[in-house]
Protein backbone atom coordinates (compact mmCIF):
# COMPACT_ATOMS: atom_id res chain seq x y z
CA MET A 1 -19.35 47.04 -102.94
CA GLU A 2 -23.12 47.35 -102.71
CA PRO A 3 -25.46 45.29 -104.95
CA LEU A 4 -26.47 47.05 -108.17
CA THR A 5 -29.78 46.51 -109.95
CA ILE A 6 -29.48 46.76 -113.73
CA ALA A 7 -32.26 46.67 -116.33
CA THR A 8 -32.07 45.88 -120.02
CA ALA A 9 -34.79 46.70 -122.52
CA GLN A 10 -36.09 45.87 -125.97
CA PHE A 11 -38.18 47.97 -128.32
CA GLN A 12 -38.62 48.59 -132.04
CA SER A 13 -36.76 51.73 -133.14
CA LEU A 14 -38.30 53.72 -136.00
CA ASP A 15 -35.92 54.72 -138.79
CA GLY A 16 -34.68 58.25 -138.20
CA ASP A 17 -37.53 59.14 -135.84
CA LYS A 18 -35.62 60.40 -132.82
CA GLN A 19 -38.64 61.76 -131.01
CA ALA A 20 -40.57 58.49 -131.18
CA ASN A 21 -37.52 56.49 -130.15
CA LEU A 22 -36.70 58.81 -127.25
CA ALA A 23 -40.33 58.54 -126.14
CA ALA A 24 -39.95 54.74 -126.03
CA ILE A 25 -36.72 55.12 -124.03
CA ASP A 26 -38.58 57.41 -121.64
CA ARG A 27 -41.41 54.89 -121.15
CA LEU A 28 -39.06 51.98 -120.57
CA ALA A 29 -36.78 53.96 -118.25
CA GLY A 30 -39.84 54.63 -116.10
CA ALA A 31 -40.72 50.92 -116.14
CA ALA A 32 -37.14 50.04 -115.19
CA ARG A 33 -37.25 52.38 -112.21
CA VAL A 34 -40.47 50.74 -111.02
CA LYS A 35 -38.55 47.45 -111.03
CA GLY A 36 -35.92 49.02 -108.78
CA ALA A 37 -33.26 49.48 -111.43
CA GLN A 38 -30.42 51.93 -110.87
CA ALA A 39 -29.51 51.84 -114.57
CA VAL A 40 -31.26 50.78 -117.78
CA ALA A 41 -29.54 49.81 -121.04
CA PHE A 42 -30.92 50.10 -124.58
CA HIS A 43 -29.71 48.75 -127.92
CA GLU A 44 -27.18 50.03 -130.43
CA LEU A 45 -28.19 53.30 -132.18
CA CYS A 46 -31.58 53.05 -130.48
CA VAL A 47 -32.11 56.82 -130.82
CA THR A 48 -32.09 56.64 -134.64
CA ALA A 49 -32.44 52.91 -135.48
CA TYR A 50 -29.53 51.12 -137.11
CA THR A 51 -29.90 48.93 -140.20
CA PHE A 52 -31.25 51.63 -142.50
CA PHE A 53 -27.86 53.39 -142.34
CA LYS A 54 -26.59 50.88 -144.91
CA ASP A 55 -28.67 52.71 -147.53
CA LEU A 56 -27.80 56.31 -146.57
CA ASP A 57 -25.18 58.55 -148.15
CA ARG A 58 -22.81 60.75 -146.16
CA ALA A 59 -25.09 63.78 -146.17
CA GLN A 60 -28.02 61.73 -144.89
CA VAL A 61 -25.93 60.26 -142.07
CA GLU A 62 -24.63 63.71 -141.14
CA ALA A 63 -28.19 64.99 -140.93
CA LEU A 64 -28.85 62.51 -138.11
CA ALA A 65 -25.58 63.14 -136.25
CA GLU A 66 -25.21 65.26 -133.12
CA ALA A 67 -22.54 66.47 -130.77
CA VAL A 68 -22.13 64.62 -127.48
CA PRO A 69 -23.05 65.70 -124.86
CA GLU A 70 -24.23 69.09 -126.16
CA GLY A 71 -26.66 67.71 -128.74
CA PRO A 72 -30.43 67.53 -128.15
CA SER A 73 -30.64 63.74 -127.92
CA THR A 74 -28.01 63.43 -125.20
CA GLN A 75 -29.62 66.31 -123.35
CA ARG A 76 -33.01 64.57 -123.61
CA LEU A 77 -31.47 61.36 -122.26
CA ILE A 78 -30.04 63.31 -119.32
CA GLU A 79 -33.49 64.76 -118.65
CA ILE A 80 -35.04 61.27 -118.78
CA ALA A 81 -32.40 59.96 -116.37
CA ARG A 82 -32.96 62.88 -113.99
CA ARG A 83 -36.74 62.54 -114.00
CA HIS A 84 -36.74 58.79 -113.38
CA GLY A 85 -33.79 58.78 -111.00
CA LEU A 86 -31.52 56.24 -112.72
CA ALA A 87 -28.69 56.03 -115.25
CA VAL A 88 -29.62 55.58 -118.92
CA LEU A 89 -27.40 53.92 -121.53
CA ALA A 90 -28.34 54.48 -125.18
CA GLY A 91 -26.85 54.70 -128.68
CA LEU A 92 -26.79 57.55 -131.19
CA VAL A 93 -24.76 58.96 -134.08
CA GLU A 94 -22.08 61.33 -132.84
CA ARG A 95 -20.33 64.11 -134.77
CA ASP A 96 -17.03 65.19 -133.22
CA GLY A 97 -15.29 68.54 -133.52
CA GLU A 98 -13.41 67.40 -136.64
CA GLY A 99 -16.56 66.31 -138.45
CA ARG A 100 -15.98 62.59 -137.95
CA LEU A 101 -19.06 60.44 -137.40
CA TYR A 102 -19.29 57.62 -134.87
CA ASN A 103 -21.62 54.87 -133.79
CA THR A 104 -21.59 56.00 -130.14
CA TYR A 105 -23.05 54.69 -126.90
CA VAL A 106 -23.42 56.93 -123.88
CA CYS A 107 -24.16 56.51 -120.20
CA VAL A 108 -25.88 59.50 -118.60
CA ASP A 109 -27.47 60.27 -115.27
CA GLY A 110 -29.32 63.28 -113.97
CA GLN A 111 -26.06 65.19 -113.56
CA GLY A 112 -24.87 64.71 -117.13
CA LEU A 113 -22.60 62.47 -119.22
CA ARG A 114 -20.96 59.61 -117.32
CA ALA A 115 -19.30 57.77 -120.21
CA ARG A 116 -19.01 57.70 -124.00
CA PHE A 117 -17.84 54.80 -126.18
CA ARG A 118 -17.33 54.76 -129.94
CA LYS A 119 -17.80 51.44 -131.73
CA LEU A 120 -14.44 49.88 -132.61
CA HIS A 121 -15.67 47.78 -135.56
CA PRO A 122 -18.37 49.73 -137.44
CA PHE A 123 -19.51 48.38 -140.79
CA ILE A 124 -23.12 49.38 -141.40
CA SER A 125 -22.03 52.63 -143.10
CA ARG A 126 -18.80 53.80 -144.71
CA SER A 127 -19.49 57.17 -143.12
CA PHE A 128 -18.73 55.92 -139.62
CA SER A 129 -15.19 56.21 -138.29
CA PRO A 130 -13.97 53.49 -135.91
CA GLY A 131 -13.34 54.29 -132.28
CA ASP A 132 -9.80 53.89 -131.03
CA GLU A 133 -10.04 53.38 -127.27
CA TYR A 134 -11.75 51.37 -124.57
CA THR A 135 -14.04 52.93 -122.00
CA VAL A 136 -14.22 51.93 -118.33
CA PHE A 137 -16.29 54.04 -115.94
CA GLU A 138 -17.81 53.91 -112.47
CA LEU A 139 -21.51 53.33 -111.86
CA GLY A 140 -22.88 52.81 -108.36
CA GLY A 141 -19.46 51.79 -107.09
CA TRP A 142 -18.98 49.22 -109.89
CA GLN A 143 -16.52 49.41 -112.77
CA CYS A 144 -18.31 49.18 -116.11
CA GLY A 145 -17.26 48.82 -119.73
CA ILE A 146 -19.04 49.09 -123.08
CA LEU A 147 -18.58 47.07 -126.27
CA ILE A 148 -21.01 47.59 -129.15
CA CYS A 149 -22.31 44.57 -131.07
CA TYR A 150 -19.49 43.25 -133.33
CA ASP A 151 -16.90 44.50 -130.82
CA ASN A 152 -18.00 41.61 -128.58
CA ASN A 153 -17.28 39.04 -131.31
CA VAL A 154 -13.59 39.96 -131.25
CA ILE A 155 -12.70 38.19 -128.04
CA GLU A 156 -9.56 40.24 -127.44
CA ASN A 157 -11.77 43.28 -126.85
CA VAL A 158 -13.66 41.54 -124.05
CA ARG A 159 -10.50 40.32 -122.33
CA ALA A 160 -8.88 43.75 -122.68
CA ILE A 161 -11.77 45.60 -121.09
CA ALA A 162 -11.95 43.03 -118.29
CA LEU A 163 -8.22 43.50 -117.66
CA LEU A 164 -8.84 47.24 -117.47
CA GLY A 165 -11.10 46.52 -114.52
CA ALA A 166 -14.61 46.19 -115.96
CA GLN A 167 -16.92 44.13 -113.74
CA ILE A 168 -20.00 44.75 -115.89
CA ILE A 169 -19.93 44.89 -119.68
CA PHE A 170 -22.81 46.67 -121.40
CA ALA A 171 -23.28 45.08 -124.82
CA PRO A 172 -25.78 47.01 -126.98
CA HIS A 173 -26.58 45.12 -130.20
CA VAL A 174 -28.70 45.03 -133.31
CA THR A 175 -28.21 41.39 -134.16
CA GLY A 176 -29.69 38.01 -134.98
CA CYS A 177 -31.68 36.62 -137.88
CA THR A 178 -29.05 37.32 -140.55
CA PRO A 179 -27.15 34.93 -142.86
CA SER A 180 -24.05 33.09 -141.66
CA PRO A 181 -22.06 29.96 -142.58
CA MET A 182 -23.41 28.38 -139.38
CA PRO A 183 -26.15 25.88 -140.22
CA GLY A 184 -29.64 27.16 -139.61
CA ARG A 185 -28.80 30.85 -139.69
CA GLY A 186 -30.57 33.30 -141.99
CA TYR A 187 -33.35 35.84 -142.24
CA VAL A 188 -36.76 35.29 -140.65
CA ASP A 189 -39.79 35.44 -142.94
CA PRO A 190 -41.49 38.83 -142.34
CA ARG A 191 -44.88 37.15 -142.62
CA LEU A 192 -44.24 35.42 -139.28
CA TRP A 193 -43.94 38.82 -137.62
CA GLU A 194 -47.14 40.01 -139.26
CA GLN A 195 -48.91 36.87 -137.98
CA ARG A 196 -47.33 36.92 -134.50
CA LEU A 197 -50.64 37.41 -132.68
CA ALA A 198 -52.42 34.66 -134.58
CA ASP A 199 -49.49 32.22 -134.53
CA PRO A 200 -46.95 33.22 -131.87
CA GLU A 201 -45.43 29.74 -131.65
CA ALA A 202 -44.10 29.83 -135.23
CA LEU A 203 -42.28 33.12 -134.66
CA ARG A 204 -41.00 32.00 -131.26
CA ARG A 205 -39.49 28.87 -132.83
CA GLU A 206 -37.57 31.03 -135.30
CA PHE A 207 -36.42 33.55 -132.69
CA ASP A 208 -35.37 30.83 -130.23
CA GLY A 209 -33.70 28.62 -132.83
CA PRO A 210 -30.28 28.93 -134.54
CA LYS A 211 -31.21 32.25 -136.14
CA GLY A 212 -31.60 33.90 -132.75
CA ARG A 213 -31.34 32.62 -129.20
CA GLU A 214 -29.47 29.37 -129.95
CA TRP A 215 -26.80 31.43 -131.70
CA LEU A 216 -26.56 33.92 -128.83
CA LEU A 217 -26.14 31.12 -126.31
CA ARG A 218 -23.16 29.74 -128.24
CA TRP A 219 -21.04 32.77 -127.35
CA LEU A 220 -22.69 35.31 -125.05
CA PRO A 221 -22.51 33.24 -121.82
CA ALA A 222 -18.91 32.35 -122.71
CA ARG A 223 -17.89 36.02 -122.79
CA ALA A 224 -19.24 36.46 -119.26
CA TYR A 225 -17.87 33.15 -117.96
CA ASP A 226 -14.36 33.30 -119.43
CA ASN A 227 -13.80 36.80 -118.12
CA GLY A 228 -15.69 36.56 -114.83
CA VAL A 229 -17.92 39.58 -115.54
CA TYR A 230 -21.59 40.46 -115.62
CA TYR A 231 -23.08 41.11 -119.07
CA ALA A 232 -25.98 43.40 -119.97
CA PHE A 233 -27.04 42.49 -123.52
CA SER A 234 -29.59 44.73 -125.27
CA ASN A 235 -31.21 44.08 -128.66
CA PRO A 236 -34.27 45.43 -130.55
CA ILE A 237 -37.49 43.53 -131.18
CA GLY A 238 -39.29 43.61 -134.51
CA PHE A 239 -38.10 45.39 -137.63
CA ASP A 240 -34.93 47.44 -137.63
CA GLY A 241 -34.81 48.83 -141.15
CA ASP A 242 -35.58 45.94 -143.46
CA GLN A 243 -34.38 43.24 -141.05
CA LEU A 244 -36.38 41.46 -138.38
CA LYS A 245 -34.67 41.24 -134.97
CA PRO A 246 -35.52 38.81 -132.15
CA GLY A 247 -35.12 40.97 -129.04
CA LEU A 248 -33.97 38.58 -126.27
CA SER A 249 -32.27 41.31 -124.26
CA MET A 250 -30.77 39.56 -121.24
CA LEU A 251 -28.64 39.93 -118.13
CA LEU A 252 -25.97 37.32 -117.39
CA ASP A 253 -23.83 36.70 -114.34
CA PRO A 254 -20.10 35.83 -114.20
CA TYR A 255 -21.00 32.13 -114.29
CA GLY A 256 -22.65 32.64 -117.68
CA GLU A 257 -26.12 32.08 -116.21
CA ILE A 258 -29.07 34.12 -117.48
CA LEU A 259 -30.55 36.17 -114.64
CA ALA A 260 -33.36 37.85 -116.60
CA GLU A 261 -34.46 37.92 -120.25
CA CYS A 262 -37.03 39.68 -122.42
CA ARG A 263 -39.36 37.06 -123.87
CA SER A 264 -42.26 39.02 -125.38
CA PHE A 265 -42.79 40.36 -128.90
CA ASP A 266 -43.46 43.83 -127.48
CA GLU A 267 -41.35 46.52 -125.88
CA GLU A 268 -40.20 45.17 -122.55
CA VAL A 269 -37.74 45.72 -119.72
CA VAL A 270 -36.29 43.20 -117.26
CA ALA A 271 -34.02 43.73 -114.26
CA ALA A 272 -31.66 41.77 -112.03
CA THR A 273 -29.46 42.57 -109.06
CA PHE A 274 -25.72 42.13 -109.46
CA THR A 275 -23.74 41.14 -106.36
CA ALA A 276 -19.99 41.28 -105.74
CA ASP A 277 -19.68 37.74 -104.39
CA LYS A 278 -20.09 36.21 -107.84
CA LEU A 279 -17.17 38.28 -109.13
CA GLU A 280 -14.93 36.73 -106.47
CA LEU A 281 -16.16 33.17 -107.00
CA ALA A 282 -16.23 33.19 -110.82
CA GLY A 283 -13.88 30.90 -112.69
CA GLY A 284 -13.04 33.71 -115.07
CA ARG A 285 -11.37 35.64 -112.25
CA ARG A 286 -9.07 32.70 -111.57
CA TYR A 287 -8.32 32.32 -115.27
CA ARG A 288 -7.25 35.98 -115.54
CA ARG A 289 -4.92 35.53 -112.59
CA ALA A 290 -3.44 32.37 -114.15
CA ARG A 291 -2.44 34.09 -117.38
CA ARG A 292 1.17 33.93 -118.62
CA PRO A 293 1.45 36.94 -120.97
CA GLU A 294 5.10 36.21 -121.74
CA LEU A 295 3.93 33.20 -123.79
CA TYR A 296 1.63 35.09 -126.14
CA ARG A 297 2.36 38.79 -125.85
CA GLU A 298 4.14 38.89 -129.22
CA ILE A 299 1.69 36.48 -130.85
CA LEU A 300 -1.34 38.60 -129.96
CA GLY A 301 0.45 41.77 -131.02
CA ARG A 302 1.48 40.59 -134.50
CA PRO A 303 0.45 42.92 -137.35
CA HIS A 304 -2.33 41.60 -139.54
CA ASP A 305 -4.79 42.81 -142.15
CA GLY A 306 -7.88 43.58 -140.09
CA VAL A 307 -11.23 43.26 -141.86
CA THR A 308 -14.68 43.77 -140.36
CA ALA A 309 -17.08 42.18 -142.83
CA PRO A 310 -20.01 40.14 -141.50
CA VAL A 311 -21.30 37.59 -143.99
CA TRP A 312 -24.53 39.42 -144.73
CA ARG A 313 -22.48 42.54 -145.69
CA THR A 314 -19.77 40.85 -147.78
CA PRO A 315 -21.37 41.69 -151.16
CA ASP A 316 -20.96 45.34 -150.14
CA PRO A 317 -17.83 45.37 -147.94
CA PRO A 318 -16.95 48.39 -145.81
């Protein structure tokens, strides 16, 4: 299996402005190709922006939805991939043939659609239907999977997609800087963003502390390490709707080590080369082989009342 160079990006999506957001994707895809990337990953619903969907009614969400791959946004992503000579992974609102709406993430190249994944645990809008299957696909000789934002917090999803053969997990997010029972979590004062040029240290402390990076490093490296997979985490920088997001898009190896990370307050892309040897040497590979499913098959499969309700959304549950 040949090495594969992957890029991950951060930028500030504009609410509902597909053309501006696709233009940013185009710019950053070009920058990723200059870095030698064979694929570049963007954040959840990057084509439309994300958080503002909490305030939209069904008709407003439908107005932003498109068919995949026939719709104009997917076709534009294919054109971007073709022109820059790499695969592009990006998120948009999908409308299927039955009129259902999904928070969808696609992988395209210059030939067309390579993969489509529908978020399993959507909560930002009641209009979104949950996906009902995992996606594993081939990219440059590697097996890849996709889990969108909250899907990664349900650890069974990560183990399941690794057991299905994924060696790389693309993890598009819009996350960080929201309330939580964990000490130190919460929103970041918007004034710090407005003053980021005059006082960058104050904003960096907030983004790198428990509201942002410290929280990510509690769980994101563990997902990669426990399952022996590479992780491509993508997240926006700046305002997404009315919430400030810390960026910090990063690439992690199967040891849970950070290979590359976005550290600016601007749109940015970083890249790293993934090699097969780490997959073989990773502890997570040994742990998967050591499993004894007969001990917990029935436990993990017990019926339960599933609820997807992050703390900052509990006053208005899905």
